[in-house]
Amino acid sequence: MDYLTWTAQWILAGTFLASGLMKLFDFVPSIHALHDRAYAAIAMSPIRGRFVGLIEILLAIGVLLPDAIVPNGPDAEFVIVRWCAAGLAILMIAVSIYYTRRRESAALTLSIFLLALFVIVGRRPN
């Protein structure tokens, strides 16, 4: 189960690292390319998009970060990983609501949400 959880962590981190880097460094050209294919206008300013990209990058790094900096305690094992995965799960809930309001498919965001939940459950203390 540990290998499967690590694989899920790497997939989750890779997905959000790529997405965050795109939003942080290539936001405006990407929005212009997506604007032609979208059903409705994309209502996100470049500053907000870069902020979300920075949050995604930080949470993706936190999903892979070992908990060497956390002091020993009853729940010290993988506490940073669980909190960062919870942050990504909350972000995916918000994105799913955004897609649902735009009448678009939220299947991919819900599957990433379930992957984040799997990491949270897989890294719970024994």
N, C-alpha and C. Protein backbone atom coordinates (compact mmCIF):
# COMPACT_ATOMS: atom_id res chain seq x y z
N MET A 1 0.82 -1.19 0.00
CA MET A 1 0.00 0.00 0.00
C MET A 1 0.87 1.26 0.00
N ASP A 2 2.06 1.15 0.59
CA ASP A 2 2.93 2.31 0.66
C ASP A 2 3.40 2.74 -0.73
N TYR A 3 3.71 1.78 -1.60
CA TYR A 3 4.13 2.11 -2.97
C TYR A 3 3.01 2.78 -3.75
N LEU A 4 1.80 2.30 -3.55
CA LEU A 4 0.65 2.88 -4.22
C LEU A 4 0.39 4.31 -3.75
N THR A 5 0.56 4.54 -2.47
CA THR A 5 0.38 5.89 -1.93
C THR A 5 1.46 6.83 -2.44
N TRP A 6 2.70 6.37 -2.49
CA TRP A 6 3.76 7.20 -3.04
C TRP A 6 3.52 7.50 -4.52
N THR A 7 3.03 6.52 -5.26
CA THR A 7 2.71 6.76 -6.67
C THR A 7 1.62 7.80 -6.80
N ALA A 8 0.60 7.72 -5.97
CA ALA A 8 -0.47 8.71 -5.99
C ALA A 8 0.06 10.09 -5.62
N GLN A 9 0.98 10.16 -4.67
CA GLN A 9 1.57 11.44 -4.30
C GLN A 9 2.36 12.04 -5.46
N TRP A 10 3.13 11.22 -6.17
CA TRP A 10 3.91 11.72 -7.30
C TRP A 10 3.00 12.18 -8.43
N ILE A 11 1.93 11.45 -8.69
CA ILE A 11 0.99 11.86 -9.75
C ILE A 11 0.31 13.17 -9.36
N LEU A 12 -0.13 13.28 -8.12
CA LEU A 12 -0.78 14.50 -7.64
C LEU A 12 0.17 15.68 -7.71
N ALA A 13 1.40 15.48 -7.24
CA ALA A 13 2.38 16.58 -7.26
C ALA A 13 2.76 16.97 -8.69
N GLY A 14 2.94 16.00 -9.55
CA GLY A 14 3.29 16.31 -10.94
C GLY A 14 2.19 17.07 -11.66
N THR A 15 0.95 16.67 -11.42
CA THR A 15 -0.18 17.35 -12.04
C THR A 15 -0.25 18.81 -11.62
N PHE A 16 -0.15 19.04 -10.32
CA PHE A 16 -0.28 20.41 -9.83
C PHE A 16 0.97 21.23 -10.05
N LEU A 17 2.12 20.61 -10.10
CA LEU A 17 3.34 21.35 -10.42
C LEU A 17 3.30 21.85 -11.86
N ALA A 18 2.88 21.00 -12.77
CA ALA A 18 2.76 21.41 -14.17
C ALA A 18 1.70 22.49 -14.34
N SER A 19 0.56 22.30 -13.70
CA SER A 19 -0.52 23.28 -13.80
C SER A 19 -0.12 24.61 -13.17
N GLY A 20 0.53 24.55 -12.02
CA GLY A 20 0.95 25.78 -11.35
C GLY A 20 2.02 26.53 -12.11
N LEU A 21 2.97 25.82 -12.69
CA LEU A 21 4.01 26.48 -13.49
C LEU A 21 3.41 27.13 -14.73
N MET A 22 2.43 26.47 -15.34
CA MET A 22 1.77 27.07 -16.50
C MET A 22 1.04 28.35 -16.10
N LYS A 23 0.34 28.32 -14.98
CA LYS A 23 -0.38 29.51 -14.53
C LYS A 23 0.56 30.62 -14.09
N LEU A 24 1.68 30.25 -13.52
CA LEU A 24 2.61 31.25 -13.01
C LEU A 24 3.40 31.94 -14.11
N PHE A 25 3.84 31.19 -15.11
CA PHE A 25 4.73 31.75 -16.12
C PHE A 25 4.11 31.95 -17.49
N ASP A 26 3.01 31.28 -17.80
CA ASP A 26 2.45 31.34 -19.15
C ASP A 26 0.94 31.53 -19.10
N PHE A 27 0.47 32.41 -18.22
CA PHE A 27 -0.97 32.51 -17.97
C PHE A 27 -1.72 33.19 -19.13
N VAL A 28 -1.27 34.34 -19.55
CA VAL A 28 -2.02 35.12 -20.55
C VAL A 28 -2.10 34.41 -21.90
N PRO A 29 -1.00 33.87 -22.47
CA PRO A 29 -1.14 33.13 -23.73
C PRO A 29 -2.03 31.89 -23.61
N SER A 30 -1.97 31.22 -22.47
CA SER A 30 -2.83 30.05 -22.28
C SER A 30 -4.29 30.44 -22.22
N ILE A 31 -4.60 31.53 -21.55
CA ILE A 31 -5.99 31.99 -21.46
C ILE A 31 -6.50 32.40 -22.84
N HIS A 32 -5.66 33.06 -23.63
CA HIS A 32 -6.09 33.42 -24.99
C HIS A 32 -6.34 32.19 -25.85
N ALA A 33 -5.53 31.16 -25.68
CA ALA A 33 -5.74 29.92 -26.44
C ALA A 33 -7.00 29.20 -25.98
N LEU A 34 -7.27 29.18 -24.69
CA LEU A 34 -8.47 28.54 -24.17
C LEU A 34 -9.73 29.35 -24.43
N HIS A 35 -9.59 30.66 -24.53
CA HIS A 35 -10.75 31.53 -24.72
C HIS A 35 -11.47 31.23 -26.04
N ASP A 36 -10.72 30.82 -27.05
CA ASP A 36 -11.34 30.51 -28.34
C ASP A 36 -12.17 29.24 -28.29
N ARG A 37 -11.79 28.29 -27.40
CA ARG A 37 -12.51 27.01 -27.31
C ARG A 37 -13.53 26.96 -26.19
N ALA A 38 -13.58 27.96 -25.32
CA ALA A 38 -14.47 27.92 -24.16
C ALA A 38 -15.88 28.34 -24.55
N TYR A 39 -16.84 27.83 -23.79
CA TYR A 39 -18.23 28.17 -24.02
C TYR A 39 -18.55 29.57 -23.49
N ALA A 40 -17.92 29.95 -22.42
CA ALA A 40 -18.14 31.25 -21.81
C ALA A 40 -16.79 31.90 -21.55
N ALA A 41 -16.80 33.18 -21.26
CA ALA A 41 -15.56 33.90 -21.00
C ALA A 41 -14.90 33.38 -19.72
N ILE A 42 -13.59 33.33 -19.72
CA ILE A 42 -12.84 32.90 -18.56
C ILE A 42 -12.63 34.11 -17.67
N ALA A 43 -13.20 34.07 -16.49
CA ALA A 43 -13.23 35.23 -15.61
C ALA A 43 -12.17 35.12 -14.53
N MET A 44 -10.91 35.12 -14.92
CA MET A 44 -9.84 35.09 -13.94
C MET A 44 -8.77 36.08 -14.39
N SER A 45 -8.46 37.01 -13.51
CA SER A 45 -7.45 38.00 -13.84
C SER A 45 -6.06 37.34 -13.81
N PRO A 46 -5.09 37.93 -14.50
CA PRO A 46 -3.74 37.35 -14.49
C PRO A 46 -3.13 37.29 -13.09
N ILE A 47 -3.42 38.27 -12.25
CA ILE A 47 -2.86 38.26 -10.90
C ILE A 47 -3.47 37.11 -10.09
N ARG A 48 -4.77 36.92 -10.20
CA ARG A 48 -5.42 35.82 -9.49
C ARG A 48 -4.93 34.47 -10.03
N GLY A 49 -4.74 34.38 -11.34
CA GLY A 49 -4.23 33.14 -11.92
C GLY A 49 -2.82 32.82 -11.45
N ARG A 50 -1.97 33.84 -11.36
CA ARG A 50 -0.61 33.61 -10.86
C ARG A 50 -0.61 33.24 -9.38
N PHE A 51 -1.53 33.83 -8.61
CA PHE A 51 -1.64 33.48 -7.20
C PHE A 51 -2.07 32.02 -7.03
N VAL A 52 -3.05 31.59 -7.81
CA VAL A 52 -3.50 30.20 -7.75
C VAL A 52 -2.37 29.27 -8.20
N GLY A 53 -1.61 29.69 -9.21
CA GLY A 53 -0.47 28.89 -9.66
C GLY A 53 0.59 28.75 -8.58
N LEU A 54 0.86 29.82 -7.86
CA LEU A 54 1.83 29.76 -6.76
C LEU A 54 1.35 28.84 -5.65
N ILE A 55 0.07 28.92 -5.32
CA ILE A 55 -0.51 28.03 -4.30
C ILE A 55 -0.40 26.58 -4.74
N GLU A 56 -0.70 26.31 -6.01
CA GLU A 56 -0.61 24.94 -6.52
C GLU A 56 0.82 24.41 -6.44
N ILE A 57 1.80 25.24 -6.76
CA ILE A 57 3.20 24.81 -6.71
C ILE A 57 3.62 24.51 -5.27
N LEU A 58 3.25 25.38 -4.35
CA LEU A 58 3.61 25.16 -2.94
C LEU A 58 2.96 23.89 -2.38
N LEU A 59 1.69 23.68 -2.71
CA LEU A 59 1.02 22.47 -2.23
C LEU A 59 1.58 21.21 -2.89
N ALA A 60 1.96 21.30 -4.16
CA ALA A 60 2.55 20.14 -4.84
C ALA A 60 3.89 19.78 -4.22
N ILE A 61 4.69 20.77 -3.86
CA ILE A 61 5.95 20.49 -3.19
C ILE A 61 5.69 19.89 -1.81
N GLY A 62 4.66 20.40 -1.13
CA GLY A 62 4.33 19.88 0.20
C GLY A 62 3.83 18.45 0.19
N VAL A 63 3.22 18.03 -0.91
CA VAL A 63 2.76 16.64 -1.00
C VAL A 63 3.94 15.68 -1.05
N LEU A 64 5.05 16.11 -1.58
CA LEU A 64 6.23 15.24 -1.67
C LEU A 64 7.23 15.48 -0.54
N LEU A 65 7.02 16.51 0.25
CA LEU A 65 7.98 16.89 1.28
C LEU A 65 7.98 15.89 2.43
N PRO A 66 9.14 15.39 2.78
CA PRO A 66 9.17 14.52 3.96
C PRO A 66 8.98 15.36 5.22
N ASP A 67 8.47 14.74 6.23
CA ASP A 67 8.16 15.47 7.45
C ASP A 67 9.33 15.52 8.42
N ALA A 68 10.50 15.81 7.91
CA ALA A 68 11.68 15.88 8.77
C ALA A 68 11.67 17.15 9.62
N ILE A 69 10.92 18.16 9.19
CA ILE A 69 10.93 19.42 9.93
C ILE A 69 9.84 19.48 11.00
N VAL A 70 8.99 18.47 11.06
CA VAL A 70 7.91 18.43 12.04
C VAL A 70 8.42 17.73 13.30
N PRO A 71 8.22 18.33 14.48
CA PRO A 71 8.67 17.65 15.70
C PRO A 71 7.88 16.38 15.94
N ASN A 72 8.48 15.46 16.64
CA ASN A 72 7.83 14.19 16.93
C ASN A 72 6.65 14.41 17.85
N GLY A 73 5.58 13.73 17.56
CA GLY A 73 4.37 13.82 18.35
C GLY A 73 3.47 12.67 18.00
N PRO A 74 2.26 12.67 18.50
CA PRO A 74 1.38 11.53 18.22
C PRO A 74 0.96 11.43 16.75
N ASP A 75 0.83 12.56 16.07
CA ASP A 75 0.39 12.56 14.67
C ASP A 75 1.42 13.20 13.75
N ALA A 76 2.70 13.08 14.08
CA ALA A 76 3.73 13.78 13.32
C ALA A 76 4.02 13.14 11.97
N GLU A 77 3.67 11.88 11.79
CA GLU A 77 4.01 11.19 10.56
C GLU A 77 3.17 11.69 9.39
N PHE A 78 3.81 12.23 8.38
CA PHE A 78 3.19 12.71 7.15
C PHE A 78 2.12 13.78 7.39
N VAL A 79 2.31 14.63 8.39
CA VAL A 79 1.30 15.66 8.65
C VAL A 79 1.29 16.72 7.56
N ILE A 80 2.46 17.08 7.04
CA ILE A 80 2.51 18.09 5.98
C ILE A 80 1.88 17.54 4.70
N VAL A 81 2.14 16.29 4.41
CA VAL A 81 1.57 15.66 3.21
C VAL A 81 0.05 15.66 3.29
N ARG A 82 -0.48 15.30 4.45
CA ARG A 82 -1.94 15.25 4.60
C ARG A 82 -2.56 16.64 4.47
N TRP A 83 -1.96 17.64 5.08
CA TRP A 83 -2.51 19.00 4.99
C TRP A 83 -2.42 19.55 3.57
N CYS A 84 -1.32 19.30 2.89
CA CYS A 84 -1.20 19.77 1.50
C CYS A 84 -2.16 19.04 0.57
N ALA A 85 -2.34 17.75 0.77
CA ALA A 85 -3.32 17.01 -0.03
C ALA A 85 -4.73 17.49 0.26
N ALA A 86 -5.01 17.86 1.52
CA ALA A 86 -6.32 18.43 1.84
C ALA A 86 -6.51 19.78 1.16
N GLY A 87 -5.46 20.58 1.09
CA GLY A 87 -5.55 21.85 0.38
C GLY A 87 -5.83 21.65 -1.10
N LEU A 88 -5.19 20.67 -1.71
CA LEU A 88 -5.45 20.38 -3.11
C LEU A 88 -6.86 19.83 -3.32
N ALA A 89 -7.36 19.06 -2.36
CA ALA A 89 -8.73 18.55 -2.46
C ALA A 89 -9.73 19.70 -2.38
N ILE A 90 -9.50 20.65 -1.49
CA ILE A 90 -10.38 21.82 -1.39
C ILE A 90 -10.33 22.64 -2.66
N LEU A 91 -9.14 22.78 -3.23
CA LEU A 91 -9.00 23.50 -4.49
C LEU A 91 -9.78 22.81 -5.61
N MET A 92 -9.76 21.48 -5.63
CA MET A 92 -10.50 20.74 -6.65
C MET A 92 -12.02 20.85 -6.45
N ILE A 93 -12.47 20.98 -5.22
CA ILE A 93 -13.90 21.22 -4.98
C ILE A 93 -14.30 22.56 -5.57
N ALA A 94 -13.47 23.58 -5.34
CA ALA A 94 -13.77 24.91 -5.88
C ALA A 94 -13.76 24.90 -7.41
N VAL A 95 -12.81 24.19 -8.00
CA VAL A 95 -12.74 24.11 -9.47
C VAL A 95 -13.94 23.34 -10.02
N SER A 96 -14.37 22.30 -9.32
CA SER A 96 -15.55 21.55 -9.76
C SER A 96 -16.80 22.42 -9.74
N ILE A 97 -16.94 23.24 -8.71
CA ILE A 97 -18.07 24.17 -8.65
C ILE A 97 -17.99 25.17 -9.79
N TYR A 98 -16.80 25.66 -10.08
CA TYR A 98 -16.61 26.61 -11.19
C TYR A 98 -17.01 25.97 -12.52
N TYR A 99 -16.57 24.73 -12.76
CA TYR A 99 -16.93 24.05 -14.01
C TYR A 99 -18.42 23.74 -14.09
N THR A 100 -19.00 23.38 -12.98
CA THR A 100 -20.44 23.08 -12.97
C THR A 100 -21.26 24.33 -13.28
N ARG A 101 -20.85 25.45 -12.75
CA ARG A 101 -21.56 26.70 -13.05
C ARG A 101 -21.44 27.09 -14.52
N ARG A 102 -20.33 26.73 -15.14
CA ARG A 102 -20.14 27.01 -16.56
C ARG A 102 -20.74 25.95 -17.45
N ARG A 103 -21.38 24.95 -16.85
CA ARG A 103 -21.99 23.82 -17.55
C ARG A 103 -20.96 23.03 -18.36
N GLU A 104 -19.81 22.81 -17.74
CA GLU A 104 -18.75 22.00 -18.33
C GLU A 104 -18.56 20.74 -17.49
N SER A 105 -17.86 19.79 -18.02
CA SER A 105 -17.63 18.53 -17.32
C SER A 105 -16.62 18.73 -16.20
N ALA A 106 -16.95 18.23 -15.03
CA ALA A 106 -16.06 18.31 -13.87
C ALA A 106 -15.51 16.94 -13.51
N ALA A 107 -15.52 16.01 -14.45
CA ALA A 107 -15.08 14.64 -14.16
C ALA A 107 -13.59 14.57 -13.83
N LEU A 108 -12.77 15.30 -14.55
CA LEU A 108 -11.33 15.26 -14.28
C LEU A 108 -11.01 15.85 -12.92
N THR A 109 -11.65 16.96 -12.57
CA THR A 109 -11.38 17.56 -11.27
C THR A 109 -11.87 16.67 -10.13
N LEU A 110 -12.97 15.97 -10.33
CA LEU A 110 -13.45 15.06 -9.30
C LEU A 110 -12.52 13.85 -9.15
N SER A 111 -11.93 13.39 -10.24
CA SER A 111 -10.99 12.27 -10.12
C SER A 111 -9.71 12.71 -9.42
N ILE A 112 -9.26 13.92 -9.66
CA ILE A 112 -8.09 14.43 -8.94
C ILE A 112 -8.43 14.64 -7.47
N PHE A 113 -9.66 15.06 -7.18
CA PHE A 113 -10.13 15.18 -5.80
C PHE A 113 -10.06 13.82 -5.10
N LEU A 114 -10.51 12.78 -5.78
CA LEU A 114 -10.47 11.43 -5.19
C LEU A 114 -9.03 10.96 -5.00
N LEU A 115 -8.13 11.34 -5.90
CA LEU A 115 -6.72 11.00 -5.73
C LEU A 115 -6.14 11.68 -4.50
N ALA A 116 -6.51 12.94 -4.29
CA ALA A 116 -6.05 13.66 -3.09
C ALA A 116 -6.61 13.02 -1.82
N LEU A 117 -7.87 12.59 -1.87
CA LEU A 117 -8.44 11.89 -0.72
C LEU A 117 -7.73 10.57 -0.45
N PHE A 118 -7.32 9.88 -1.51
CA PHE A 118 -6.58 8.64 -1.35
C PHE A 118 -5.25 8.89 -0.65
N VAL A 119 -4.58 9.99 -0.99
CA VAL A 119 -3.31 10.32 -0.34
C VAL A 119 -3.55 10.65 1.13
N ILE A 120 -4.62 11.38 1.42
CA ILE A 120 -4.92 11.71 2.82
C ILE A 120 -5.17 10.45 3.63
N VAL A 121 -5.98 9.54 3.09
CA VAL A 121 -6.29 8.31 3.82
C VAL A 121 -5.06 7.39 3.88
N GLY A 122 -4.30 7.35 2.81
CA GLY A 122 -3.12 6.49 2.78
C GLY A 122 -2.02 6.94 3.73
N ARG A 123 -1.98 8.20 4.07
CA ARG A 123 -0.95 8.73 4.96
C ARG A 123 -1.45 9.02 6.37
N ARG A 124 -2.58 8.46 6.74
CA ARG A 124 -3.08 8.66 8.10
C ARG A 124 -2.19 7.89 9.07
N PRO A 125 -2.09 8.37 10.30
CA PRO A 125 -1.25 7.64 11.26
C PRO A 125 -1.87 6.30 11.64
N ASN A 126 -1.02 5.33 11.88
CA ASN A 126 -1.49 3.99 12.22
C ASN A 126 -1.80 3.87 13.69
